[in-house]
């Protein structure tokens, strides 16, 4: 296994106020960065609905401070 160094979630910018969900166009609550550097933004509903699949493709994430993403624990556990 090759370790990957990524900045802590707190050092990355969450979705901007005007960013919209890539699935339904609602306000973005979660930003995911993929291995190739691409980013996806999801509303709270879709972020949590697809959490199990999203943690498989994301290398890092940031969320709005008031939003609790269901995949956060899965991301933490996969890096240990």
N, C-alpha and C. Protein backbone atom coordinates (compact mmCIF):
# COMPACT_ATOMS: atom_id res chain seq x y z
N UNK A 1 0.85 -1.18 0.00
CA UNK A 1 0.00 0.00 0.00
C UNK A 1 0.89 1.24 0.00
N UNK A 2 0.61 2.15 -0.88
CA UNK A 2 1.35 3.40 -0.97
C UNK A 2 0.58 4.48 -0.23
N UNK A 3 1.19 5.10 0.80
CA UNK A 3 0.46 6.16 1.52
C UNK A 3 0.31 7.40 0.64
N UNK A 4 -0.80 8.06 0.78
CA UNK A 4 -1.08 9.28 0.04
C UNK A 4 -1.17 10.42 1.03
N UNK A 5 -0.43 11.47 0.81
CA UNK A 5 -0.48 12.63 1.67
C UNK A 5 -1.50 13.60 1.13
N UNK A 6 -2.46 13.94 1.94
CA UNK A 6 -3.47 14.91 1.55
C UNK A 6 -3.63 15.91 2.67
N UNK A 7 -3.96 17.15 2.35
CA UNK A 7 -4.19 18.14 3.39
C UNK A 7 -5.38 17.74 4.25
N UNK A 8 -5.39 18.18 5.47
CA UNK A 8 -6.52 17.87 6.34
C UNK A 8 -7.78 18.53 5.79
N UNK A 9 -8.93 17.92 6.10
CA UNK A 9 -10.19 18.42 5.57
C UNK A 9 -10.43 19.87 5.94
N UNK A 10 -9.98 20.29 7.10
CA UNK A 10 -10.19 21.66 7.54
C UNK A 10 -9.41 22.69 6.75
N UNK A 11 -8.35 22.25 6.05
CA UNK A 11 -7.52 23.20 5.31
C UNK A 11 -8.02 23.42 3.89
N UNK A 12 -9.02 22.69 3.49
CA UNK A 12 -9.57 22.81 2.14
C UNK A 12 -10.86 23.61 2.16
N UNK A 13 -11.14 24.25 1.06
CA UNK A 13 -12.36 25.05 0.98
C UNK A 13 -13.55 24.15 0.70
N UNK A 14 -14.62 24.32 1.46
CA UNK A 14 -15.87 23.62 1.20
C UNK A 14 -16.55 24.25 0.01
N UNK A 15 -17.71 23.75 -0.34
CA UNK A 15 -18.43 24.33 -1.48
C UNK A 15 -18.74 25.82 -1.23
N UNK A 16 -18.57 26.62 -2.26
CA UNK A 16 -18.91 28.04 -2.16
C UNK A 16 -20.43 28.19 -2.08
N UNK A 17 -20.87 29.30 -1.58
CA UNK A 17 -22.31 29.53 -1.38
C UNK A 17 -23.11 29.39 -2.67
N UNK A 18 -22.49 29.68 -3.81
CA UNK A 18 -23.22 29.61 -5.08
C UNK A 18 -23.03 28.27 -5.81
N UNK A 19 -22.30 27.32 -5.22
CA UNK A 19 -22.11 26.03 -5.88
C UNK A 19 -23.33 25.14 -5.67
N UNK A 20 -23.65 24.40 -6.71
CA UNK A 20 -24.86 23.59 -6.72
C UNK A 20 -24.51 22.10 -6.81
N UNK A 21 -25.40 21.27 -6.32
CA UNK A 21 -25.25 19.82 -6.36
C UNK A 21 -25.13 19.36 -7.82
N UNK A 22 -24.17 18.47 -8.07
CA UNK A 22 -23.99 17.94 -9.42
C UNK A 22 -25.10 16.98 -9.80
N UNK A 23 -25.91 16.58 -8.86
CA UNK A 23 -27.00 15.63 -9.12
C UNK A 23 -28.34 16.33 -9.31
N UNK A 24 -28.66 17.34 -8.44
CA UNK A 24 -30.02 17.91 -8.49
C UNK A 24 -30.06 19.44 -8.50
N UNK A 25 -28.92 20.09 -8.45
CA UNK A 25 -28.82 21.54 -8.48
C UNK A 25 -29.23 22.24 -7.18
N UNK A 26 -29.38 21.50 -6.07
CA UNK A 26 -29.61 22.13 -4.76
C UNK A 26 -28.28 22.70 -4.26
N UNK A 27 -28.32 23.46 -3.19
CA UNK A 27 -27.11 24.06 -2.63
C UNK A 27 -26.10 22.99 -2.24
N UNK A 28 -24.84 23.19 -2.63
CA UNK A 28 -23.78 22.24 -2.31
C UNK A 28 -23.41 22.24 -0.84
N UNK A 29 -23.28 21.06 -0.27
CA UNK A 29 -22.88 20.89 1.14
C UNK A 29 -21.58 20.13 1.27
N UNK A 30 -21.20 19.35 0.24
CA UNK A 30 -20.02 18.49 0.29
C UNK A 30 -19.25 18.60 -1.01
N UNK A 31 -17.93 18.75 -0.91
CA UNK A 31 -17.06 18.76 -2.09
C UNK A 31 -16.13 17.56 -1.96
N UNK A 32 -16.08 16.75 -3.00
CA UNK A 32 -15.19 15.59 -3.06
C UNK A 32 -14.12 15.84 -4.09
N UNK A 33 -12.90 15.43 -3.80
CA UNK A 33 -11.83 15.47 -4.77
C UNK A 33 -11.51 14.02 -5.14
N UNK A 34 -11.47 13.75 -6.43
CA UNK A 34 -11.19 12.41 -6.93
C UNK A 34 -9.71 12.26 -7.19
N UNK A 35 -9.23 11.04 -7.38
CA UNK A 35 -7.81 10.76 -7.56
C UNK A 35 -7.19 11.57 -8.69
N UNK A 36 -7.90 11.79 -9.76
CA UNK A 36 -7.37 12.53 -10.90
C UNK A 36 -7.39 14.04 -10.72
N UNK A 37 -7.93 14.51 -9.59
CA UNK A 37 -7.99 15.95 -9.33
C UNK A 37 -9.34 16.57 -9.62
N UNK A 38 -10.24 15.83 -10.22
CA UNK A 38 -11.59 16.35 -10.49
C UNK A 38 -12.34 16.52 -9.17
N UNK A 39 -13.32 17.39 -9.18
CA UNK A 39 -14.12 17.62 -7.98
C UNK A 39 -15.60 17.44 -8.29
N UNK A 40 -16.32 16.96 -7.29
CA UNK A 40 -17.77 16.83 -7.35
C UNK A 40 -18.37 17.55 -6.16
N UNK A 41 -19.54 18.15 -6.34
CA UNK A 41 -20.24 18.83 -5.26
C UNK A 41 -21.62 18.20 -5.13
N UNK A 42 -22.03 17.93 -3.89
CA UNK A 42 -23.34 17.33 -3.64
C UNK A 42 -24.08 18.07 -2.56
N UNK A 43 -25.41 18.06 -2.67
CA UNK A 43 -26.26 18.56 -1.59
C UNK A 43 -26.21 17.53 -0.46
N UNK A 44 -26.73 17.86 0.69
CA UNK A 44 -26.72 16.95 1.82
C UNK A 44 -27.45 15.65 1.53
N UNK A 45 -28.60 15.74 0.87
CA UNK A 45 -29.39 14.55 0.57
C UNK A 45 -28.60 13.56 -0.29
N UNK A 46 -28.05 14.03 -1.39
CA UNK A 46 -27.34 13.13 -2.30
C UNK A 46 -25.99 12.70 -1.74
N UNK A 47 -25.34 13.56 -0.98
CA UNK A 47 -24.07 13.17 -0.35
C UNK A 47 -24.27 11.98 0.57
N UNK A 48 -25.33 12.02 1.38
CA UNK A 48 -25.59 10.93 2.31
C UNK A 48 -26.19 9.71 1.61
N UNK A 49 -27.02 9.95 0.61
CA UNK A 49 -27.63 8.83 -0.11
C UNK A 49 -26.58 7.96 -0.79
N UNK A 50 -25.56 8.59 -1.37
CA UNK A 50 -24.53 7.87 -2.12
C UNK A 50 -23.20 7.74 -1.36
N UNK A 51 -23.21 7.94 -0.05
CA UNK A 51 -21.98 7.97 0.74
C UNK A 51 -21.12 6.72 0.54
N UNK A 52 -21.72 5.55 0.57
CA UNK A 52 -20.94 4.31 0.44
C UNK A 52 -20.19 4.24 -0.89
N UNK A 53 -20.79 4.71 -1.96
CA UNK A 53 -20.13 4.71 -3.26
C UNK A 53 -19.12 5.85 -3.37
N UNK A 54 -19.44 6.99 -2.79
CA UNK A 54 -18.56 8.15 -2.90
C UNK A 54 -17.23 7.93 -2.18
N UNK A 55 -17.24 7.25 -1.04
CA UNK A 55 -15.98 7.03 -0.33
C UNK A 55 -15.04 6.13 -1.12
N UNK A 56 -15.57 5.36 -2.04
CA UNK A 56 -14.74 4.47 -2.86
C UNK A 56 -13.95 5.24 -3.92
N UNK A 57 -14.45 6.42 -4.31
CA UNK A 57 -13.80 7.16 -5.40
C UNK A 57 -13.13 8.44 -4.94
N UNK A 58 -13.42 8.89 -3.72
CA UNK A 58 -12.87 10.16 -3.23
C UNK A 58 -11.52 9.96 -2.55
N UNK A 59 -10.62 10.93 -2.75
CA UNK A 59 -9.35 10.90 -2.03
C UNK A 59 -9.37 11.91 -0.87
N UNK A 60 -10.25 12.89 -0.95
CA UNK A 60 -10.43 13.83 0.15
C UNK A 60 -11.79 14.50 0.00
N UNK A 61 -12.23 15.12 1.09
CA UNK A 61 -13.53 15.79 1.06
C UNK A 61 -13.51 16.98 2.00
N UNK A 62 -14.43 17.89 1.74
CA UNK A 62 -14.71 18.99 2.67
C UNK A 62 -16.22 19.17 2.70
N UNK A 63 -16.71 19.55 3.87
CA UNK A 63 -18.15 19.72 4.03
C UNK A 63 -18.41 21.06 4.70
N UNK A 64 -19.59 21.58 4.46
CA UNK A 64 -20.02 22.78 5.16
C UNK A 64 -19.98 22.48 6.66
N UNK A 65 -19.63 23.47 7.49
CA UNK A 65 -19.50 23.22 8.93
C UNK A 65 -20.76 22.66 9.59
N UNK A 66 -21.94 23.05 9.13
CA UNK A 66 -23.17 22.59 9.76
C UNK A 66 -23.65 21.25 9.20
N UNK A 67 -22.97 20.71 8.20
CA UNK A 67 -23.39 19.47 7.55
C UNK A 67 -22.58 18.29 8.07
N UNK A 68 -23.27 17.22 8.45
CA UNK A 68 -22.61 15.99 8.87
C UNK A 68 -22.78 14.95 7.77
N UNK A 69 -21.67 14.60 7.15
CA UNK A 69 -21.70 13.64 6.05
C UNK A 69 -21.55 12.23 6.60
N UNK A 70 -22.42 11.34 6.19
CA UNK A 70 -22.42 9.95 6.62
C UNK A 70 -21.13 9.22 6.20
N UNK A 71 -20.50 9.65 5.14
CA UNK A 71 -19.28 9.00 4.65
C UNK A 71 -18.02 9.41 5.39
N UNK A 72 -18.09 10.41 6.25
CA UNK A 72 -16.89 10.90 6.94
C UNK A 72 -16.23 9.79 7.75
N UNK A 73 -17.01 9.01 8.48
CA UNK A 73 -16.44 7.91 9.25
C UNK A 73 -15.84 6.85 8.35
N UNK A 74 -16.47 6.59 7.23
CA UNK A 74 -15.94 5.60 6.30
C UNK A 74 -14.62 6.05 5.70
N UNK A 75 -14.50 7.35 5.40
CA UNK A 75 -13.25 7.89 4.86
C UNK A 75 -12.16 7.77 5.91
N UNK A 76 -12.46 8.08 7.16
CA UNK A 76 -11.49 8.00 8.25
C UNK A 76 -11.02 6.57 8.45
N UNK A 77 -11.95 5.63 8.41
CA UNK A 77 -11.61 4.23 8.61
C UNK A 77 -10.80 3.64 7.47
N UNK A 78 -11.04 4.11 6.25
CA UNK A 78 -10.31 3.56 5.10
C UNK A 78 -8.87 4.03 5.06
N UNK A 79 -8.55 5.14 5.71
CA UNK A 79 -7.18 5.64 5.70
C UNK A 79 -6.35 5.04 6.80
N UNK A 80 -6.96 4.30 7.72
CA UNK A 80 -6.21 3.67 8.82
C UNK A 80 -5.79 2.27 8.46
